[in-house]
Amino acid sequence: MSVRKDWNRLKNSKLLRNRLSPENIEQLDKIVKQDELKRVELLKKCLAKKNIPQTQYLKFGDSMGYLGYCELFEEYFNQTEYDELYEVWRNFE
């Protein structure tokens, strides 16, 4: 989570640029973005169905924490959608 939260700053830092090639940094950038999009996709599916599959509960919680910690909710969800997601999570049985 910390890598994603600080990724834009990290990928442009001299420290990282001195240790990794531009290709490696680009590859890491793709991995970070793919991980983010997978988490968002899971949350959007659960929101659309208003349900969290039993097998996805831990990933759902992790994704909620990830997007919250990285301050990404506003990028992918409006306030109503966020509130609905939280209600789906709260009402999980």
PDB file of N, CA and C in Angstrom:
ATOM      1  N   MET A   1       0.831  -1.192   0.000  1.00  0.00           N
ATOM      2  CA  MET A   1       0.000   0.000   0.000  1.00  0.00           C
ATOM      3  C   MET A   1       0.875   1.254   0.000  1.00  0.00           C
ATOM      4  N   SER A   2       1.936   1.202   0.770  1.00  0.00           N
ATOM      5  CA  SER A   2       2.808   2.375   0.831  1.00  0.00           C
ATOM      6  C   SER A   2       3.467   2.652  -0.506  1.00  0.00           C
ATOM      7  N   VAL A   3       3.814   1.590  -1.227  1.00  0.00           N
ATOM      8  CA  VAL A   3       4.421   1.800  -2.539  1.00  0.00           C
ATOM      9  C   VAL A   3       3.451   2.556  -3.436  1.00  0.00           C
ATOM     10  N   ARG A   4       2.175   2.147  -3.455  1.00  0.00           N
ATOM     11  CA  ARG A   4       1.196   2.813  -4.314  1.00  0.00           C
ATOM     12  C   ARG A   4       0.960   4.243  -3.880  1.00  0.00           C
ATOM     13  N   LYS A   5       0.845   4.446  -2.578  1.00  0.00           N
ATOM     14  CA  LYS A   5       0.556   5.786  -2.079  1.00  0.00           C
ATOM     15  C   LYS A   5       1.668   6.766  -2.477  1.00  0.00           C
ATOM     16  N   ASP A   6       2.897   6.307  -2.456  1.00  0.00           N
ATOM     17  CA  ASP A   6       4.034   7.178  -2.739  1.00  0.00           C
ATOM     18  C   ASP A   6       4.666   6.913  -4.100  1.00  0.00           C
ATOM     19  N   TRP A   7       3.988   6.128  -4.961  1.00  0.00           N
ATOM     20  CA  TRP A   7       4.609   5.691  -6.200  1.00  0.00           C
ATOM     21  C   TRP A   7       5.050   6.835  -7.101  1.00  0.00           C
ATOM     22  N   ASN A   8       4.222   7.834  -7.301  1.00  0.00           N
ATOM     23  CA  ASN A   8       4.599   8.932  -8.211  1.00  0.00           C
ATOM     24  C   ASN A   8       5.864   9.635  -7.727  1.00  0.00           C
ATOM     25  N   ARG A   9       5.968   9.793  -6.438  1.00  0.00           N
ATOM     26  CA  ARG A   9       7.173  10.419  -5.890  1.00  0.00           C
ATOM     27  C   ARG A   9       8.366   9.463  -6.013  1.00  0.00           C
ATOM     28  N   LEU A  10       8.141   8.181  -5.707  1.00  0.00           N
ATOM     29  CA  LEU A  10       9.225   7.209  -5.753  1.00  0.00           C
ATOM     30  C   LEU A  10       9.778   7.001  -7.162  1.00  0.00           C
ATOM     31  N   LYS A  11       8.895   6.863  -8.140  1.00  0.00           N
ATOM     32  CA  LYS A  11       9.374   6.540  -9.489  1.00  0.00           C
ATOM     33  C   LYS A  11      10.177   7.673 -10.106  1.00  0.00           C
ATOM     34  N   ASN A  12      10.051   8.866  -9.564  1.00  0.00           N
ATOM     35  CA  ASN A  12      10.823   9.999 -10.067  1.00  0.00           C
ATOM     36  C   ASN A  12      12.014  10.345  -9.182  1.00  0.00           C
ATOM     37  N   SER A  13      12.226   9.554  -8.130  1.00  0.00           N
ATOM     38  CA  SER A  13      13.313   9.864  -7.202  1.00  0.00           C
ATOM     39  C   SER A  13      14.664   9.423  -7.767  1.00  0.00           C
ATOM     40  N   LYS A  14      15.696  10.130  -7.391  1.00  0.00           N
ATOM     41  CA  LYS A  14      17.051   9.792  -7.825  1.00  0.00           C
ATOM     42  C   LYS A  14      17.462   8.431  -7.270  1.00  0.00           C
ATOM     43  N   LEU A  15      17.042   8.136  -6.071  1.00  0.00           N
ATOM     44  CA  LEU A  15      17.403   6.865  -5.445  1.00  0.00           C
ATOM     45  C   LEU A  15      16.948   5.695  -6.300  1.00  0.00           C
ATOM     46  N   LEU A  16      15.708   5.709  -6.711  1.00  0.00           N
ATOM     47  CA  LEU A  16      15.183   4.625  -7.534  1.00  0.00           C
ATOM     48  C   LEU A  16      15.812   4.637  -8.923  1.00  0.00           C
ATOM     49  N   ARG A  17      15.983   5.797  -9.481  1.00  0.00           N
ATOM     50  CA  ARG A  17      16.566   5.906 -10.825  1.00  0.00           C
ATOM     51  C   ARG A  17      18.033   5.456 -10.846  1.00  0.00           C
ATOM     52  N   ASN A  18      18.723   5.601  -9.716  1.00  0.00           N
ATOM     53  CA  ASN A  18      20.113   5.138  -9.634  1.00  0.00           C
ATOM     54  C   ASN A  18      20.205   3.626  -9.476  1.00  0.00           C
ATOM     55  N   ARG A  19      19.149   3.008  -8.980  1.00  0.00           N
ATOM     56  CA  ARG A  19      19.185   1.568  -8.705  1.00  0.00           C
ATOM     57  C   ARG A  19      18.508   0.720  -9.776  1.00  0.00           C
ATOM     58  N   LEU A  20      17.553   1.312 -10.496  1.00  0.00           N
ATOM     59  CA  LEU A  20      16.796   0.553 -11.486  1.00  0.00           C
ATOM     60  C   LEU A  20      16.877   1.213 -12.852  1.00  0.00           C
ATOM     61  N   SER A  21      16.768   0.404 -13.860  1.00  0.00           N
ATOM     62  CA  SER A  21      16.763   0.934 -15.226  1.00  0.00           C
ATOM     63  C   SER A  21      15.391   1.559 -15.510  1.00  0.00           C
ATOM     64  N   PRO A  22      15.313   2.423 -16.503  1.00  0.00           N
ATOM     65  CA  PRO A  22      14.011   2.980 -16.880  1.00  0.00           C
ATOM     66  C   PRO A  22      12.998   1.886 -17.246  1.00  0.00           C
ATOM     67  N   GLU A  23      13.471   0.808 -17.850  1.00  0.00           N
ATOM     68  CA  GLU A  23      12.581  -0.309 -18.197  1.00  0.00           C
ATOM     69  C   GLU A  23      12.018  -0.979 -16.951  1.00  0.00           C
ATOM     70  N   ASN A  24      12.876  -1.149 -15.934  1.00  0.00           N
ATOM     71  CA  ASN A  24      12.412  -1.742 -14.676  1.00  0.00           C
ATOM     72  C   ASN A  24      11.388  -0.852 -13.980  1.00  0.00           C
ATOM     73  N   ILE A  25      11.628   0.424 -13.988  1.00  0.00           N
ATOM     74  CA  ILE A  25      10.697   1.369 -13.373  1.00  0.00           C
ATOM     75  C   ILE A  25       9.369   1.351 -14.123  1.00  0.00           C
ATOM     76  N   GLU A  26       9.431   1.298 -15.440  1.00  0.00           N
ATOM     77  CA  GLU A  26       8.211   1.230 -16.245  1.00  0.00           C
ATOM     78  C   GLU A  26       7.437  -0.059 -15.949  1.00  0.00           C
ATOM     79  N   GLN A  27       8.149  -1.161 -15.818  1.00  0.00           N
ATOM     80  CA  GLN A  27       7.504  -2.438 -15.500  1.00  0.00           C
ATOM     81  C   GLN A  27       6.840  -2.382 -14.118  1.00  0.00           C
ATOM     82  N   LEU A  28       7.530  -1.824 -13.146  1.00  0.00           N
ATOM     83  CA  LEU A  28       6.942  -1.662 -11.813  1.00  0.00           C
ATOM     84  C   LEU A  28       5.712  -0.761 -11.864  1.00  0.00           C
ATOM     85  N   ASP A  29       5.785   0.279 -12.670  1.00  0.00           N
ATOM     86  CA  ASP A  29       4.654   1.184 -12.833  1.00  0.00           C
ATOM     87  C   ASP A  29       3.433   0.427 -13.358  1.00  0.00           C
ATOM     88  N   LYS A  30       3.642  -0.442 -14.325  1.00  0.00           N
ATOM     89  CA  LYS A  30       2.548  -1.253 -14.880  1.00  0.00           C
ATOM     90  C   LYS A  30       1.983  -2.210 -13.829  1.00  0.00           C
ATOM     91  N   ILE A  31       2.850  -2.820 -13.042  1.00  0.00           N
ATOM     92  CA  ILE A  31       2.406  -3.757 -12.000  1.00  0.00           C
ATOM     93  C   ILE A  31       1.562  -3.033 -10.956  1.00  0.00           C
ATOM     94  N   VAL A  32       2.016  -1.871 -10.531  1.00  0.00           N
ATOM     95  CA  VAL A  32       1.277  -1.084  -9.537  1.00  0.00           C
ATOM     96  C   VAL A  32      -0.099  -0.708 -10.083  1.00  0.00           C
ATOM     97  N   LYS A  33      -0.164  -0.264 -11.332  1.00  0.00           N
ATOM     98  CA  LYS A  33      -1.436   0.152 -11.941  1.00  0.00           C
ATOM     99  C   LYS A  33      -2.370  -1.041 -12.130  1.00  0.00           C
ATOM    100  N   GLN A  34      -1.840  -2.187 -12.575  1.00  0.00           N
ATOM    101  CA  GLN A  34      -2.660  -3.388 -12.739  1.00  0.00           C
ATOM    102  C   GLN A  34      -3.257  -3.836 -11.415  1.00  0.00           C
ATOM    103  N   ASP A  35      -2.462  -3.794 -10.361  1.00  0.00           N
ATOM    104  CA  ASP A  35      -2.950  -4.172  -9.033  1.00  0.00           C
ATOM    105  C   ASP A  35      -4.088  -3.250  -8.604  1.00  0.00           C
ATOM    106  N   GLU A  36      -3.897  -1.964  -8.802  1.00  0.00           N
ATOM    107  CA  GLU A  36      -4.923  -0.982  -8.461  1.00  0.00           C
ATOM    108  C   GLU A  36      -6.215  -1.250  -9.233  1.00  0.00           C
ATOM    109  N   LEU A  37      -6.100  -1.473 -10.528  1.00  0.00           N
ATOM    110  CA  LEU A  37      -7.286  -1.690 -11.355  1.00  0.00           C
ATOM    111  C   LEU A  37      -8.013  -2.992 -11.014  1.00  0.00           C
ATOM    112  N   LYS A  38      -7.292  -4.034 -10.629  1.00  0.00           N
ATOM    113  CA  LYS A  38      -7.930  -5.282 -10.200  1.00  0.00           C
ATOM    114  C   LYS A  38      -8.755  -5.059  -8.939  1.00  0.00           C
ATOM    115  N   ARG A  39      -8.224  -4.279  -8.036  1.00  0.00           N
ATOM    116  CA  ARG A  39      -8.947  -3.976  -6.797  1.00  0.00           C
ATOM    117  C   ARG A  39     -10.217  -3.173  -7.093  1.00  0.00           C
ATOM    118  N   VAL A  40     -10.082  -2.188  -7.954  1.00  0.00           N
ATOM    119  CA  VAL A  40     -11.238  -1.366  -8.324  1.00  0.00           C
ATOM    120  C   VAL A  40     -12.289  -2.226  -9.026  1.00  0.00           C
ATOM    121  N   GLU A  41     -11.853  -3.107  -9.909  1.00  0.00           N
ATOM    122  CA  GLU A  41     -12.774  -3.982 -10.625  1.00  0.00           C
ATOM    123  C   GLU A  41     -13.567  -4.857  -9.655  1.00  0.00           C
ATOM    124  N   LEU A  42     -12.903  -5.418  -8.663  1.00  0.00           N
ATOM    125  CA  LEU A  42     -13.593  -6.231  -7.663  1.00  0.00           C
ATOM    126  C   LEU A  42     -14.648  -5.403  -6.932  1.00  0.00           C
ATOM    127  N   LEU A  43     -14.287  -4.210  -6.507  1.00  0.00           N
ATOM    128  CA  LEU A  43     -15.236  -3.365  -5.784  1.00  0.00           C
ATOM    129  C   LEU A  43     -16.410  -2.963  -6.664  1.00  0.00           C
ATOM    130  N   LYS A  44     -16.142  -2.655  -7.916  1.00  0.00           N
ATOM    131  CA  LYS A  44     -17.234  -2.273  -8.822  1.00  0.00           C
ATOM    132  C   LYS A  44     -18.189  -3.444  -9.071  1.00  0.00           C
ATOM    133  N   LYS A  45     -17.659  -4.659  -9.199  1.00  0.00           N
ATOM    134  CA  LYS A  45     -18.510  -5.831  -9.372  1.00  0.00           C
ATOM    135  C   LYS A  45     -19.386  -6.050  -8.148  1.00  0.00           C
ATOM    136  N   CYS A  46     -18.805  -5.939  -6.978  1.00  0.00           N
ATOM    137  CA  CYS A  46     -19.568  -6.118  -5.744  1.00  0.00           C
ATOM    138  C   CYS A  46     -20.614  -5.023  -5.595  1.00  0.00           C
ATOM    139  N   LEU A  47     -20.271  -3.819  -5.978  1.00  0.00           N
ATOM    140  CA  LEU A  47     -21.226  -2.717  -5.920  1.00  0.00           C
ATOM    141  C   LEU A  47     -22.388  -2.964  -6.871  1.00  0.00           C
ATOM    142  N   ALA A  48     -22.103  -3.416  -8.074  1.00  0.00           N
ATOM    143  CA  ALA A  48     -23.156  -3.675  -9.057  1.00  0.00           C
ATOM    144  C   ALA A  48     -24.103  -4.773  -8.581  1.00  0.00           C
ATOM    145  N   LYS A  49     -23.549  -5.780  -7.934  1.00  0.00           N
ATOM    146  CA  LYS A  49     -24.366  -6.905  -7.452  1.00  0.00           C
ATOM    147  C   LYS A  49     -24.923  -6.668  -6.048  1.00  0.00           C
ATOM    148  N   LYS A  50     -24.422  -5.613  -5.392  1.00  0.00           N
ATOM    149  CA  LYS A  50     -24.805  -5.315  -4.006  1.00  0.00           C
ATOM    150  C   LYS A  50     -24.551  -6.529  -3.105  1.00  0.00           C
ATOM    151  N   ASN A  51     -23.449  -7.214  -3.399  1.00  0.00           N
ATOM    152  CA  ASN A  51     -23.134  -8.438  -2.686  1.00  0.00           C
ATOM    153  C   ASN A  51     -21.635  -8.707  -2.774  1.00  0.00           C
ATOM    154  N   ILE A  52     -21.094  -9.291  -1.708  1.00  0.00           N
ATOM    155  CA  ILE A  52     -19.706  -9.728  -1.706  1.00  0.00           C
ATOM    156  C   ILE A  52     -19.719 -11.255  -1.699  1.00  0.00           C
ATOM    157  N   PRO A  53     -19.167 -11.884  -2.724  1.00  0.00           N
ATOM    158  CA  PRO A  53     -19.093 -13.347  -2.691  1.00  0.00           C
ATOM    159  C   PRO A  53     -18.259 -13.800  -1.489  1.00  0.00           C
ATOM    160  N   GLN A  54     -18.684 -14.868  -0.868  1.00  0.00           N
ATOM    161  CA  GLN A  54     -17.994 -15.405   0.307  1.00  0.00           C
ATOM    162  C   GLN A  54     -16.488 -15.551   0.049  1.00  0.00           C
ATOM    163  N   THR A  55     -16.135 -16.020  -1.153  1.00  0.00           N
ATOM    164  CA  THR A  55     -14.732 -16.264  -1.486  1.00  0.00           C
ATOM    165  C   THR A  55     -13.930 -14.978  -1.708  1.00  0.00           C
ATOM    166  N   GLN A  56     -14.609 -13.859  -1.841  1.00  0.00           N
ATOM    167  CA  GLN A  56     -13.935 -12.590  -2.129  1.00  0.00           C
ATOM    168  C   GLN A  56     -13.925 -11.628  -0.942  1.00  0.00           C
ATOM    169  N   TYR A  57     -14.446 -12.066   0.200  1.00  0.00           N
ATOM    170  CA  TYR A  57     -14.593 -11.161   1.338  1.00  0.00           C
ATOM    171  C   TYR A  57     -13.257 -10.556   1.776  1.00  0.00           C
ATOM    172  N   LEU A  58     -12.224 -11.370   1.917  1.00  0.00           N
ATOM    173  CA  LEU A  58     -10.932 -10.838   2.356  1.00  0.00           C
ATOM    174  C   LEU A  58     -10.341  -9.885   1.325  1.00  0.00           C
ATOM    175  N   LYS A  59     -10.456 -10.233   0.049  1.00  0.00           N
ATOM    176  CA  LYS A  59      -9.957  -9.348  -1.004  1.00  0.00           C
ATOM    177  C   LYS A  59     -10.743  -8.040  -1.029  1.00  0.00           C
ATOM    178  N   PHE A  60     -12.052  -8.133  -0.772  1.00  0.00           N
ATOM    179  CA  PHE A  60     -12.892  -6.938  -0.734  1.00  0.00           C
ATOM    180  C   PHE A  60     -12.400  -6.005   0.374  1.00  0.00           C
ATOM    181  N   GLY A  61     -12.231  -6.533   1.565  1.00  0.00           N
ATOM    182  CA  GLY A  61     -11.765  -5.716   2.691  1.00  0.00           C
ATOM    183  C   GLY A  61     -10.390  -5.125   2.432  1.00  0.00           C
ATOM    184  N   ASP A  62      -9.505  -5.935   1.868  1.00  0.00           N
ATOM    185  CA  ASP A  62      -8.168  -5.460   1.537  1.00  0.00           C
ATOM    186  C   ASP A  62      -8.230  -4.347   0.499  1.00  0.00           C
ATOM    187  N   SER A  63      -9.107  -4.500  -0.479  1.00  0.00           N
ATOM    188  CA  SER A  63      -9.254  -3.482  -1.526  1.00  0.00           C
ATOM    189  C   SER A  63      -9.834  -2.186  -0.958  1.00  0.00           C
ATOM    190  N   MET A  64     -10.787  -2.310  -0.055  1.00  0.00           N
ATOM    191  CA  MET A  64     -11.343  -1.113   0.589  1.00  0.00           C
ATOM    192  C   MET A  64     -10.247  -0.381   1.364  1.00  0.00           C
ATOM    193  N   GLY A  65      -9.453  -1.139   2.120  1.00  0.00           N
ATOM    194  CA  GLY A  65      -8.357  -0.534   2.871  1.00  0.00           C
ATOM    195  C   GLY A  65      -7.316   0.102   1.964  1.00  0.00           C
ATOM    196  N   TYR A  66      -6.999  -0.580   0.887  1.00  0.00           N
ATOM    197  CA  TYR A  66      -6.006  -0.100  -0.076  1.00  0.00           C
ATOM    198  C   TYR A  66      -6.439   1.227  -0.694  1.00  0.00           C
ATOM    199  N   LEU A  67      -7.663   1.270  -1.222  1.00  0.00           N
ATOM    200  CA  LEU A  67      -8.135   2.494  -1.852  1.00  0.00           C
ATOM    201  C   LEU A  67      -8.269   3.633  -0.845  1.00  0.00           C
ATOM    202  N   GLY A  68      -8.665   3.309   0.371  1.00  0.00           N
ATOM    203  CA  GLY A  68      -8.760   4.331   1.401  1.00  0.00           C
ATOM    204  C   GLY A  68      -7.397   4.879   1.787  1.00  0.00           C
ATOM    205  N   TYR A  69      -6.447   3.985   2.057  1.00  0.00           N
ATOM    206  CA  TYR A  69      -5.103   4.392   2.467  1.00  0.00           C
ATOM    207  C   TYR A  69      -4.411   5.202   1.371  1.00  0.00           C
ATOM    208  N   CYS A  70      -4.608   4.779   0.142  1.00  0.00           N
ATOM    209  CA  CYS A  70      -3.954   5.451  -0.993  1.00  0.00           C
ATOM    210  C   CYS A  70      -4.749   6.653  -1.506  1.00  0.00           C
ATOM    211  N   GLU A  71      -5.865   6.934  -0.860  1.00  0.00           N
ATOM    212  CA  GLU A  71      -6.718   8.073  -1.204  1.00  0.00           C
ATOM    213  C   GLU A  71      -7.152   8.030  -2.675  1.00  0.00           C
ATOM    214  N   LEU A  72      -7.649   6.853  -3.083  1.00  0.00           N
ATOM    215  CA  LEU A  72      -8.036   6.651  -4.473  1.00  0.00           C
ATOM    216  C   LEU A  72      -9.543   6.560  -4.695  1.00  0.00           C
ATOM    217  N   PHE A  73     -10.322   6.558  -3.628  1.00  0.00           N
ATOM    218  CA  PHE A  73     -11.766   6.403  -3.808  1.00  0.00           C
ATOM    219  C   PHE A  73     -12.342   7.478  -4.715  1.00  0.00           C
ATOM    220  N   GLU A  74     -11.940   8.712  -4.523  1.00  0.00           N
ATOM    221  CA  GLU A  74     -12.492   9.806  -5.325  1.00  0.00           C
ATOM    222  C   GLU A  74     -12.153   9.659  -6.809  1.00  0.00           C
ATOM    223  N   GLU A  75     -11.085   8.944  -7.110  1.00  0.00           N
ATOM    224  CA  GLU A  75     -10.685   8.745  -8.499  1.00  0.00           C
ATOM    225  C   GLU A  75     -11.609   7.758  -9.215  1.00  0.00           C
ATOM    226  N   TYR A  76     -12.191   6.821  -8.467  1.00  0.00           N
ATOM    227  CA  TYR A  76     -12.972   5.755  -9.081  1.00  0.00           C
ATOM    228  C   TYR A  76     -14.441   5.713  -8.667  1.00  0.00           C
ATOM    229  N   PHE A  77     -14.799   6.325  -7.547  1.00  0.00           N
ATOM    230  CA  PHE A  77     -16.160   6.243  -7.019  1.00  0.00           C
ATOM    231  C   PHE A  77     -16.627   7.614  -6.549  1.00  0.00           C
ATOM    232  N   ASN A  78     -17.922   7.864  -6.725  1.00  0.00           N
ATOM    233  CA  ASN A  78     -18.469   9.087  -6.132  1.00  0.00           C
ATOM    234  C   ASN A  78     -18.902   8.764  -4.695  1.00  0.00           C
ATOM    235  N   GLN A  79     -19.351   9.757  -3.970  1.00  0.00           N
ATOM    236  CA  GLN A  79     -19.690   9.566  -2.559  1.00  0.00           C
ATOM    237  C   GLN A  79     -20.828   8.565  -2.372  1.00  0.00           C
ATOM    238  N   THR A  80     -21.823   8.612  -3.245  1.00  0.00           N
ATOM    239  CA  THR A  80     -22.951   7.677  -3.156  1.00  0.00           C
ATOM    240  C   THR A  80     -22.476   6.245  -3.343  1.00  0.00           C
ATOM    241  N   GLU A  81     -21.631   6.026  -4.331  1.00  0.00           N
ATOM    242  CA  GLU A  81     -21.100   4.681  -4.566  1.00  0.00           C
ATOM    243  C   GLU A  81     -20.266   4.206  -3.382  1.00  0.00           C
ATOM    244  N   TYR A  82     -19.457   5.111  -2.823  1.00  0.00           N
ATOM    245  CA  TYR A  82     -18.651   4.757  -1.647  1.00  0.00           C
ATOM    246  C   TYR A  82     -19.563   4.353  -0.494  1.00  0.00           C
ATOM    247  N   ASP A  83     -20.590   5.141  -0.253  1.00  0.00           N
ATOM    248  CA  ASP A  83     -21.528   4.827   0.833  1.00  0.00           C
ATOM    249  C   ASP A  83     -22.205   3.473   0.600  1.00  0.00           C
ATOM    250  N   GLU A  84     -22.592   3.197  -0.636  1.00  0.00           N
ATOM    251  CA  GLU A  84     -23.221   1.911  -0.959  1.00  0.00           C
ATOM    252  C   GLU A  84     -22.237   0.751  -0.767  1.00  0.00           C
ATOM    253  N   LEU A  85     -20.991   0.947  -1.172  1.00  0.00           N
ATOM    254  CA  LEU A  85     -19.973  -0.083  -0.963  1.00  0.00           C
ATOM    255  C   LEU A  85     -19.801  -0.385   0.515  1.00  0.00           C
ATOM    256  N   TYR A  86     -19.750   0.670   1.312  1.00  0.00           N
ATOM    257  CA  TYR A  86     -19.588   0.489   2.749  1.00  0.00           C
ATOM    258  C   TYR A  86     -20.786  -0.266   3.334  1.00  0.00           C
ATOM    259  N   GLU A  87     -21.978   0.041   2.865  1.00  0.00           N
ATOM    260  CA  GLU A  87     -23.179  -0.659   3.336  1.00  0.00           C
ATOM    261  C   GLU A  87     -23.150  -2.134   2.937  1.00  0.00           C
ATOM    262  N   VAL A  88     -22.724  -2.437   1.725  1.00  0.00           N
ATOM    263  CA  VAL A  88     -22.595  -3.823   1.279  1.00  0.00           C
ATOM    264  C   VAL A  88     -21.620  -4.560   2.199  1.00  0.00           C
ATOM    265  N   TRP A  89     -20.525  -3.912   2.520  1.00  0.00           N
ATOM    266  CA  TRP A  89     -19.506  -4.504   3.395  1.00  0.00           C
ATOM    267  C   TRP A  89     -20.055  -4.704   4.801  1.00  0.00           C
ATOM    268  N   ARG A  90     -20.722  -3.680   5.307  1.00  0.00           N
ATOM    269  CA  ARG A  90     -21.272  -3.724   6.667  1.00  0.00           C
ATOM    270  C   ARG A  90     -22.351  -4.808   6.810  1.00  0.00           C
ATOM    271  N   ASN A  91     -23.107  -5.043   5.754  1.00  0.00           N
ATOM    272  CA  ASN A  91     -24.214  -6.002   5.811  1.00  0.00           C
ATOM    273  C   ASN A  91     -23.817  -7.407   5.340  1.00  0.00           C
ATOM    274  N   PHE A  92     -22.537  -7.651   5.171  1.00  0.00           N
ATOM    275  CA  PHE A  92     -22.085  -8.961   4.727  1.00  0.00           C
ATOM    276  C   PHE A  92     -22.483 -10.035   5.743  1.00  0.00           C
ATOM    277  N   GLU A  93     -23.001 -11.139   5.248  1.00  0.00           N
ATOM    278  CA  GLU A  93     -23.405 -12.242   6.134  1.00  0.00           C
ATOM    279  C   GLU A  93     -22.616 -13.483   5.840  1.00  0.00           C
TER     280      GLU A  93
END
